[in-house]
Amino acid sequence: IMLRAGEVAEATARAVASAVRDIRARPLAKPPGIAEAVEWANAATILEKGGSPWPEAFRRAIGVLIKDEEDLSYIAPELGRIVEEALA
């Protein structure tokens, strides 16, 4: 992630990688790949630089990671836990 998203902090890249691993373990119609993970890291970083607190920026940017509406509905109830574990 850091190779493709130069503005992203190492902690952000690690959190994104952890969350994506968790999300990819679920039965999704369109599991996120590297490109989506990089987009998520970039989007969350931009939101944070724009003033959003980090956990909120991480959650708000999920739409660039999960492209399928049904997948997003499936992940939504678990998103808080996924983000908390990724940021721990």
PDB file of N, CA and C in Angstrom:
ATOM      1  N   ILE A   1       0.837  -1.188   0.000  1.00  0.00           N
ATOM      2  CA  ILE A   1       0.000   0.000   0.000  1.00  0.00           C
ATOM      3  C   ILE A   1       0.877   1.245   0.000  1.00  0.00           C
ATOM      4  N   MET A   2       1.918   1.231   0.818  1.00  0.00           N
ATOM      5  CA  MET A   2       2.786   2.408   0.904  1.00  0.00           C
ATOM      6  C   MET A   2       3.526   2.674  -0.406  1.00  0.00           C
ATOM      7  N   LEU A   3       3.806   1.629  -1.169  1.00  0.00           N
ATOM      8  CA  LEU A   3       4.493   1.824  -2.444  1.00  0.00           C
ATOM      9  C   LEU A   3       3.612   2.563  -3.443  1.00  0.00           C
ATOM     10  N   ARG A   4       2.305   2.322  -3.372  1.00  0.00           N
ATOM     11  CA  ARG A   4       1.384   2.926  -4.333  1.00  0.00           C
ATOM     12  C   ARG A   4       0.701   4.186  -3.814  1.00  0.00           C
ATOM     13  N   ALA A   5       0.791   4.426  -2.526  1.00  0.00           N
ATOM     14  CA  ALA A   5       0.139   5.593  -1.923  1.00  0.00           C
ATOM     15  C   ALA A   5       1.164   6.335  -1.077  1.00  0.00           C
ATOM     16  N   GLY A   6       1.977   7.131  -1.720  1.00  0.00           N
ATOM     17  CA  GLY A   6       3.102   7.781  -1.065  1.00  0.00           C
ATOM     18  C   GLY A   6       2.761   8.715   0.079  1.00  0.00           C
ATOM     19  N   GLU A   7       1.580   9.306   0.078  1.00  0.00           N
ATOM     20  CA  GLU A   7       1.186  10.261   1.117  1.00  0.00           C
ATOM     21  C   GLU A   7       0.632   9.577   2.367  1.00  0.00           C
ATOM     22  N   VAL A   8       0.469   8.278   2.318  1.00  0.00           N
ATOM     23  CA  VAL A   8      -0.164   7.537   3.414  1.00  0.00           C
ATOM     24  C   VAL A   8       0.875   7.160   4.463  1.00  0.00           C
ATOM     25  N   ALA A   9       0.539   7.402   5.718  1.00  0.00           N
ATOM     26  CA  ALA A   9       1.435   7.046   6.822  1.00  0.00           C
ATOM     27  C   ALA A   9       1.509   5.528   6.979  1.00  0.00           C
ATOM     28  N   GLU A  10       2.605   5.058   7.539  1.00  0.00           N
ATOM     29  CA  GLU A  10       2.782   3.618   7.736  1.00  0.00           C
ATOM     30  C   GLU A  10       1.666   3.037   8.601  1.00  0.00           C
ATOM     31  N   ALA A  11       1.268   3.737   9.649  1.00  0.00           N
ATOM     32  CA  ALA A  11       0.195   3.249  10.522  1.00  0.00           C
ATOM     33  C   ALA A  11      -1.115   3.107   9.749  1.00  0.00           C
ATOM     34  N   THR A  12      -1.364   4.027   8.840  1.00  0.00           N
ATOM     35  CA  THR A  12      -2.569   3.958   8.008  1.00  0.00           C
ATOM     36  C   THR A  12      -2.502   2.746   7.094  1.00  0.00           C
ATOM     37  N   ALA A  13      -1.368   2.542   6.459  1.00  0.00           N
ATOM     38  CA  ALA A  13      -1.201   1.398   5.563  1.00  0.00           C
ATOM     39  C   ALA A  13      -1.404   0.087   6.313  1.00  0.00           C
ATOM     40  N   ARG A  14      -0.874  -0.004   7.516  1.00  0.00           N
ATOM     41  CA  ARG A  14      -1.043  -1.223   8.317  1.00  0.00           C
ATOM     42  C   ARG A  14      -2.505  -1.427   8.709  1.00  0.00           C
ATOM     43  N   ALA A  15      -3.184  -0.350   9.096  1.00  0.00           N
ATOM     44  CA  ALA A  15      -4.597  -0.448   9.473  1.00  0.00           C
ATOM     45  C   ALA A  15      -5.446  -0.879   8.281  1.00  0.00           C
ATOM     46  N   VAL A  16      -5.183  -0.300   7.125  1.00  0.00           N
ATOM     47  CA  VAL A  16      -5.919  -0.668   5.918  1.00  0.00           C
ATOM     48  C   VAL A  16      -5.664  -2.132   5.576  1.00  0.00           C
ATOM     49  N   ALA A  17      -4.425  -2.566   5.615  1.00  0.00           N
ATOM     50  CA  ALA A  17      -4.101  -3.963   5.301  1.00  0.00           C
ATOM     51  C   ALA A  17      -4.816  -4.914   6.255  1.00  0.00           C
ATOM     52  N   SER A  18      -4.836  -4.584   7.531  1.00  0.00           N
ATOM     53  CA  SER A  18      -5.508  -5.419   8.522  1.00  0.00           C
ATOM     54  C   SER A  18      -7.008  -5.493   8.253  1.00  0.00           C
ATOM     55  N   ALA A  19      -7.630  -4.346   8.014  1.00  0.00           N
ATOM     56  CA  ALA A  19      -9.070  -4.312   7.760  1.00  0.00           C
ATOM     57  C   ALA A  19      -9.420  -5.045   6.466  1.00  0.00           C
ATOM     58  N   VAL A  20      -8.620  -4.860   5.438  1.00  0.00           N
ATOM     59  CA  VAL A  20      -8.889  -5.521   4.157  1.00  0.00           C
ATOM     60  C   VAL A  20      -8.767  -7.035   4.302  1.00  0.00           C
ATOM     61  N   ARG A  21      -7.796  -7.498   5.071  1.00  0.00           N
ATOM     62  CA  ARG A  21      -7.672  -8.943   5.331  1.00  0.00           C
ATOM     63  C   ARG A  21      -8.952  -9.474   5.966  1.00  0.00           C
ATOM     64  N   ASP A  22      -9.448  -8.756   6.958  1.00  0.00           N
ATOM     65  CA  ASP A  22     -10.677  -9.147   7.647  1.00  0.00           C
ATOM     66  C   ASP A  22     -11.860  -9.155   6.678  1.00  0.00           C
ATOM     67  N   ILE A  23     -11.994  -8.102   5.899  1.00  0.00           N
ATOM     68  CA  ILE A  23     -13.116  -7.975   4.969  1.00  0.00           C
ATOM     69  C   ILE A  23     -13.052  -9.035   3.876  1.00  0.00           C
ATOM     70  N   ARG A  24     -11.857  -9.321   3.367  1.00  0.00           N
ATOM     71  CA  ARG A  24     -11.716 -10.323   2.299  1.00  0.00           C
ATOM     72  C   ARG A  24     -12.038 -11.740   2.771  1.00  0.00           C
ATOM     73  N   ALA A  25     -12.036 -11.964   4.073  1.00  0.00           N
ATOM     74  CA  ALA A  25     -12.353 -13.288   4.614  1.00  0.00           C
ATOM     75  C   ALA A  25     -13.858 -13.559   4.593  1.00  0.00           C
ATOM     76  N   ARG A  26     -14.638 -12.582   4.212  1.00  0.00           N
ATOM     77  CA  ARG A  26     -16.096 -12.710   4.202  1.00  0.00           C
ATOM     78  C   ARG A  26     -16.595 -13.053   2.797  1.00  0.00           C
ATOM     79  N   PRO A  27     -17.776 -13.650   2.716  1.00  0.00           N
ATOM     80  CA  PRO A  27     -18.318 -14.037   1.401  1.00  0.00           C
ATOM     81  C   PRO A  27     -18.910 -12.830   0.659  1.00  0.00           C
ATOM     82  N   LEU A  28     -18.071 -12.103  -0.026  1.00  0.00           N
ATOM     83  CA  LEU A  28     -18.505 -10.908  -0.744  1.00  0.00           C
ATOM     84  C   LEU A  28     -18.621 -11.180  -2.237  1.00  0.00           C
ATOM     85  N   ALA A  29     -19.516 -10.461  -2.893  1.00  0.00           N
ATOM     86  CA  ALA A  29     -19.658 -10.584  -4.344  1.00  0.00           C
ATOM     87  C   ALA A  29     -18.418 -10.041  -5.048  1.00  0.00           C
ATOM     88  N   LYS A  30     -17.872  -8.946  -4.517  1.00  0.00           N
ATOM     89  CA  LYS A  30     -16.683  -8.319  -5.112  1.00  0.00           C
ATOM     90  C   LYS A  30     -15.695  -7.971  -4.006  1.00  0.00           C
ATOM     91  N   PRO A  31     -14.868  -8.930  -3.603  1.00  0.00           N
ATOM     92  CA  PRO A  31     -13.886  -8.650  -2.548  1.00  0.00           C
ATOM     93  C   PRO A  31     -12.905  -7.562  -2.991  1.00  0.00           C
ATOM     94  N   PRO A  32     -12.519  -6.688  -2.068  1.00  0.00           N
ATOM     95  CA  PRO A  32     -11.585  -5.621  -2.434  1.00  0.00           C
ATOM     96  C   PRO A  32     -10.189  -6.165  -2.722  1.00  0.00           C
ATOM     97  N   GLY A  33      -9.534  -5.538  -3.679  1.00  0.00           N
ATOM     98  CA  GLY A  33      -8.167  -5.914  -4.024  1.00  0.00           C
ATOM     99  C   GLY A  33      -7.189  -4.832  -3.604  1.00  0.00           C
ATOM    100  N   ILE A  34      -5.986  -4.925  -4.133  1.00  0.00           N
ATOM    101  CA  ILE A  34      -4.933  -3.962  -3.804  1.00  0.00           C
ATOM    102  C   ILE A  34      -5.333  -2.548  -4.220  1.00  0.00           C
ATOM    103  N   ALA A  35      -5.867  -2.403  -5.421  1.00  0.00           N
ATOM    104  CA  ALA A  35      -6.233  -1.063  -5.901  1.00  0.00           C
ATOM    105  C   ALA A  35      -7.245  -0.403  -4.973  1.00  0.00           C
ATOM    106  N   GLU A  36      -8.247  -1.165  -4.538  1.00  0.00           N
ATOM    107  CA  GLU A  36      -9.255  -0.612  -3.630  1.00  0.00           C
ATOM    108  C   GLU A  36      -8.649  -0.274  -2.273  1.00  0.00           C
ATOM    109  N   ALA A  37      -7.730  -1.100  -1.803  1.00  0.00           N
ATOM    110  CA  ALA A  37      -7.064  -0.833  -0.521  1.00  0.00           C
ATOM    111  C   ALA A  37      -6.261   0.465  -0.594  1.00  0.00           C
ATOM    112  N   VAL A  38      -5.563   0.664  -1.703  1.00  0.00           N
ATOM    113  CA  VAL A  38      -4.787   1.896  -1.893  1.00  0.00           C
ATOM    114  C   VAL A  38      -5.728   3.103  -1.954  1.00  0.00           C
ATOM    115  N   GLU A  39      -6.842   2.960  -2.678  1.00  0.00           N
ATOM    116  CA  GLU A  39      -7.818   4.048  -2.762  1.00  0.00           C
ATOM    117  C   GLU A  39      -8.374   4.382  -1.381  1.00  0.00           C
ATOM    118  N   TRP A  40      -8.659   3.351  -0.576  1.00  0.00           N
ATOM    119  CA  TRP A  40      -9.205   3.564   0.766  1.00  0.00           C
ATOM    120  C   TRP A  40      -8.200   4.321   1.635  1.00  0.00           C
ATOM    121  N   ALA A  41      -6.953   3.890   1.584  1.00  0.00           N
ATOM    122  CA  ALA A  41      -5.908   4.559   2.367  1.00  0.00           C
ATOM    123  C   ALA A  41      -5.768   6.022   1.948  1.00  0.00           C
ATOM    124  N   ASN A  42      -5.763   6.271   0.644  1.00  0.00           N
ATOM    125  CA  ASN A  42      -5.658   7.647   0.147  1.00  0.00           C
ATOM    126  C   ASN A  42      -6.864   8.488   0.562  1.00  0.00           C
ATOM    127  N   ALA A  43      -8.062   7.938   0.398  1.00  0.00           N
ATOM    128  CA  ALA A  43      -9.284   8.680   0.727  1.00  0.00           C
ATOM    129  C   ALA A  43      -9.342   9.009   2.213  1.00  0.00           C
ATOM    130  N   ALA A  44      -9.018   8.045   3.056  1.00  0.00           N
ATOM    131  CA  ALA A  44      -9.033   8.281   4.504  1.00  0.00           C
ATOM    132  C   ALA A  44      -8.002   9.342   4.890  1.00  0.00           C
ATOM    133  N   THR A  45      -6.845   9.299   4.259  1.00  0.00           N
ATOM    134  CA  THR A  45      -5.799  10.291   4.534  1.00  0.00           C
ATOM    135  C   THR A  45      -6.263  11.689   4.133  1.00  0.00           C
ATOM    136  N   ILE A  46      -6.894  11.804   2.984  1.00  0.00           N
ATOM    137  CA  ILE A  46      -7.402  13.101   2.518  1.00  0.00           C
ATOM    138  C   ILE A  46      -8.474  13.628   3.468  1.00  0.00           C
ATOM    139  N   LEU A  47      -9.395  12.754   3.892  1.00  0.00           N
ATOM    140  CA  LEU A  47     -10.440  13.179   4.829  1.00  0.00           C
ATOM    141  C   LEU A  47      -9.840  13.639   6.153  1.00  0.00           C
ATOM    142  N   GLU A  48      -8.824  12.912   6.614  1.00  0.00           N
ATOM    143  CA  GLU A  48      -8.182  13.297   7.877  1.00  0.00           C
ATOM    144  C   GLU A  48      -7.498  14.658   7.735  1.00  0.00           C
ATOM    145  N   LYS A  49      -6.784  14.848   6.643  1.00  0.00           N
ATOM    146  CA  LYS A  49      -6.114  16.137   6.421  1.00  0.00           C
ATOM    147  C   LYS A  49      -7.126  17.272   6.284  1.00  0.00           C
ATOM    148  N   GLY A  50      -8.355  16.919   5.869  1.00  0.00           N
ATOM    149  CA  GLY A  50      -9.422  17.907   5.739  1.00  0.00           C
ATOM    150  C   GLY A  50     -10.125  18.219   7.047  1.00  0.00           C
ATOM    151  N   GLY A  51      -9.723  17.528   8.120  1.00  0.00           N
ATOM    152  CA  GLY A  51     -10.273  17.845   9.430  1.00  0.00           C
ATOM    153  C   GLY A  51     -11.073  16.756  10.108  1.00  0.00           C
ATOM    154  N   SER A  52     -11.343  15.653   9.417  1.00  0.00           N
ATOM    155  CA  SER A  52     -12.083  14.559  10.055  1.00  0.00           C
ATOM    156  C   SER A  52     -11.172  13.827  11.029  1.00  0.00           C
ATOM    157  N   PRO A  53     -11.674  13.487  12.214  1.00  0.00           N
ATOM    158  CA  PRO A  53     -10.874  12.669  13.133  1.00  0.00           C
ATOM    159  C   PRO A  53     -10.548  11.336  12.461  1.00  0.00           C
ATOM    160  N   TRP A  54      -9.408  10.757  12.800  1.00  0.00           N
ATOM    161  CA  TRP A  54      -8.927   9.576  12.092  1.00  0.00           C
ATOM    162  C   TRP A  54      -9.924   8.422  12.044  1.00  0.00           C
ATOM    163  N   PRO A  55     -10.474   7.932  13.154  1.00  0.00           N
ATOM    164  CA  PRO A  55     -11.391   6.790  13.006  1.00  0.00           C
ATOM    165  C   PRO A  55     -12.592   7.114  12.112  1.00  0.00           C
ATOM    166  N   GLU A  56     -13.092   8.332  12.206  1.00  0.00           N
ATOM    167  CA  GLU A  56     -14.229   8.737  11.371  1.00  0.00           C
ATOM    168  C   GLU A  56     -13.826   8.779   9.893  1.00  0.00           C
ATOM    169  N   ALA A  57     -12.658   9.310   9.596  1.00  0.00           N
ATOM    170  CA  ALA A  57     -12.173   9.369   8.216  1.00  0.00           C
ATOM    171  C   ALA A  57     -12.036   7.961   7.645  1.00  0.00           C
ATOM    172  N   PHE A  58     -11.532   7.054   8.457  1.00  0.00           N
ATOM    173  CA  PHE A  58     -11.352   5.661   8.048  1.00  0.00           C
ATOM    174  C   PHE A  58     -12.703   5.039   7.690  1.00  0.00           C
ATOM    175  N   ARG A  59     -13.714   5.273   8.540  1.00  0.00           N
ATOM    176  CA  ARG A  59     -15.057   4.724   8.299  1.00  0.00           C
ATOM    177  C   ARG A  59     -15.728   5.388   7.096  1.00  0.00           C
ATOM    178  N   ARG A  60     -15.631   6.701   7.012  1.00  0.00           N
ATOM    179  CA  ARG A  60     -16.308   7.442   5.933  1.00  0.00           C
ATOM    180  C   ARG A  60     -15.788   7.064   4.557  1.00  0.00           C
ATOM    181  N   ALA A  61     -14.555   6.660   4.469  1.00  0.00           N
ATOM    182  CA  ALA A  61     -13.942   6.349   3.177  1.00  0.00           C
ATOM    183  C   ALA A  61     -14.218   4.922   2.712  1.00  0.00           C
ATOM    184  N   ILE A  62     -14.982   4.151   3.472  1.00  0.00           N
ATOM    185  CA  ILE A  62     -15.206   2.731   3.150  1.00  0.00           C
ATOM    186  C   ILE A  62     -15.821   2.530   1.761  1.00  0.00           C
ATOM    187  N   GLY A  63     -16.549   3.513   1.265  1.00  0.00           N
ATOM    188  CA  GLY A  63     -17.189   3.387  -0.041  1.00  0.00           C
ATOM    189  C   GLY A  63     -16.217   3.180  -1.193  1.00  0.00           C
ATOM    190  N   VAL A  64     -14.987   3.602  -1.040  1.00  0.00           N
ATOM    191  CA  VAL A  64     -14.009   3.371  -2.106  1.00  0.00           C
ATOM    192  C   VAL A  64     -13.436   1.958  -2.030  1.00  0.00           C
ATOM    193  N   LEU A  65     -13.617   1.303  -0.887  1.00  0.00           N
ATOM    194  CA  LEU A  65     -13.129  -0.071  -0.727  1.00  0.00           C
ATOM    195  C   LEU A  65     -14.188  -1.078  -1.147  1.00  0.00           C
ATOM    196  N   ILE A  66     -15.400  -0.875  -0.683  1.00  0.00           N
ATOM    197  CA  ILE A  66     -16.508  -1.794  -0.960  1.00  0.00           C
ATOM    198  C   ILE A  66     -17.380  -1.160  -2.035  1.00  0.00           C
ATOM    199  N   LYS A  67     -17.315  -1.692  -3.241  1.00  0.00           N
ATOM    200  CA  LYS A  67     -18.003  -1.090  -4.388  1.00  0.00           C
ATOM    201  C   LYS A  67     -19.430  -1.618  -4.573  1.00  0.00           C
ATOM    202  N   ASP A  68     -19.688  -2.840  -4.151  1.00  0.00           N
ATOM    203  CA  ASP A  68     -20.994  -3.470  -4.336  1.00  0.00           C
ATOM    204  C   ASP A  68     -21.927  -3.073  -3.185  1.00  0.00           C
ATOM    205  N   GLU A  69     -23.131  -2.601  -3.507  1.00  0.00           N
ATOM    206  CA  GLU A  69     -24.078  -2.139  -2.483  1.00  0.00           C
ATOM    207  C   GLU A  69     -24.465  -3.254  -1.511  1.00  0.00           C
ATOM    208  N   GLU A  70     -24.676  -4.458  -2.022  1.00  0.00           N
ATOM    209  CA  GLU A  70     -25.029  -5.577  -1.136  1.00  0.00           C
ATOM    210  C   GLU A  70     -23.865  -5.917  -0.213  1.00  0.00           C
ATOM    211  N   ASP A  71     -22.653  -5.879  -0.730  1.00  0.00           N
ATOM    212  CA  ASP A  71     -21.473  -6.120   0.107  1.00  0.00           C
ATOM    213  C   ASP A  71     -21.370  -5.057   1.196  1.00  0.00           C
ATOM    214  N   LEU A  72     -21.627  -3.807   0.832  1.00  0.00           N
ATOM    215  CA  LEU A  72     -21.563  -2.713   1.803  1.00  0.00           C
ATOM    216  C   LEU A  72     -22.615  -2.905   2.893  1.00  0.00           C
ATOM    217  N   SER A  73     -23.817  -3.315   2.504  1.00  0.00           N
ATOM    218  CA  SER A  73     -24.876  -3.587   3.486  1.00  0.00           C
ATOM    219  C   SER A  73     -24.486  -4.743   4.396  1.00  0.00           C
ATOM    220  N   TYR A  74     -23.814  -5.731   3.839  1.00  0.00           N
ATOM    221  CA  TYR A  74     -23.373  -6.893   4.616  1.00  0.00           C
ATOM    222  C   TYR A  74     -22.286  -6.502   5.619  1.00  0.00           C
ATOM    223  N   ILE A  75     -21.360  -5.667   5.208  1.00  0.00           N
ATOM    224  CA  ILE A  75     -20.228  -5.263   6.047  1.00  0.00           C
ATOM    225  C   ILE A  75     -20.618  -4.198   7.072  1.00  0.00           C
ATOM    226  N   ALA A  76     -21.575  -3.351   6.747  1.00  0.00           N
ATOM    227  CA  ALA A  76     -21.917  -2.189   7.585  1.00  0.00           C
ATOM    228  C   ALA A  76     -22.090  -2.506   9.073  1.00  0.00           C
ATOM    229  N   PRO A  77     -22.829  -3.557   9.452  1.00  0.00           N
ATOM    230  CA  PRO A  77     -22.994  -3.825  10.887  1.00  0.00           C
ATOM    231  C   PRO A  77     -21.690  -4.180  11.602  1.00  0.00           C
ATOM    232  N   GLU A  78     -20.715  -4.679  10.877  1.00  0.00           N
ATOM    233  CA  GLU A  78     -19.434  -5.085  11.455  1.00  0.00           C
ATOM    234  C   GLU A  78     -18.342  -4.033  11.292  1.00  0.00           C
ATOM    235  N   LEU A  79     -18.642  -2.968  10.574  1.00  0.00           N
ATOM    236  CA  LEU A  79     -17.605  -1.996  10.227  1.00  0.00           C
ATOM    237  C   LEU A  79     -16.943  -1.377  11.447  1.00  0.00           C
ATOM    238  N   GLY A  80     -17.724  -1.040  12.450  1.00  0.00           N
ATOM    239  CA  GLY A  80     -17.149  -0.451  13.660  1.00  0.00           C
ATOM    240  C   GLY A  80     -16.107  -1.353  14.288  1.00  0.00           C
ATOM    241  N   ARG A  81     -16.429  -2.632  14.422  1.00  0.00           N
ATOM    242  CA  ARG A  81     -15.497  -3.595  15.001  1.00  0.00           C
ATOM    243  C   ARG A  81     -14.273  -3.770  14.110  1.00  0.00           C
ATOM    244  N   ILE A  82     -14.492  -3.881  12.815  1.00  0.00           N
ATOM    245  CA  ILE A  82     -13.379  -4.055  11.879  1.00  0.00           C
ATOM    246  C   ILE A  82     -12.407  -2.877  11.988  1.00  0.00           C
ATOM    247  N   VAL A  83     -12.947  -1.671  12.018  1.00  0.00           N
ATOM    248  CA  VAL A  83     -12.109  -0.471  12.109  1.00  0.00           C
ATOM    249  C   VAL A  83     -11.381  -0.428  13.449  1.00  0.00           C
ATOM    250  N   GLU A  84     -12.093  -0.701  14.539  1.00  0.00           N
ATOM    251  CA  GLU A  84     -11.452  -0.692  15.863  1.00  0.00           C
ATOM    252  C   GLU A  84     -10.296  -1.678  15.926  1.00  0.00           C
ATOM    253  N   GLU A  85     -10.512  -2.892  15.422  1.00  0.00           N
ATOM    254  CA  GLU A  85      -9.447  -3.901  15.445  1.00  0.00           C
ATOM    255  C   GLU A  85      -8.287  -3.497  14.549  1.00  0.00           C
ATOM    256  N   ALA A  86      -8.590  -2.900  13.408  1.00  0.00           N
ATOM    257  CA  ALA A  86      -7.529  -2.486  12.487  1.00  0.00           C
ATOM    258  C   ALA A  86      -6.690  -1.358  13.071  1.00  0.00           C
ATOM    259  N   LEU A  87      -7.318  -0.502  13.854  1.00  0.00           N
ATOM    260  CA  LEU A  87      -6.607   0.640  14.428  1.00  0.00           C
ATOM    261  C   LEU A  87      -5.929   0.311  15.749  1.00  0.00           C
ATOM    262  N   ALA A  88      -6.194  -0.877  16.285  1.00  0.00           N
ATOM    263  CA  ALA A  88      -5.618  -1.264  17.591  1.00  0.00           C
ATOM    264  C   ALA A  88      -4.138  -1.557  17.484  1.00  0.00           C
TER     265      ALA A  88
END
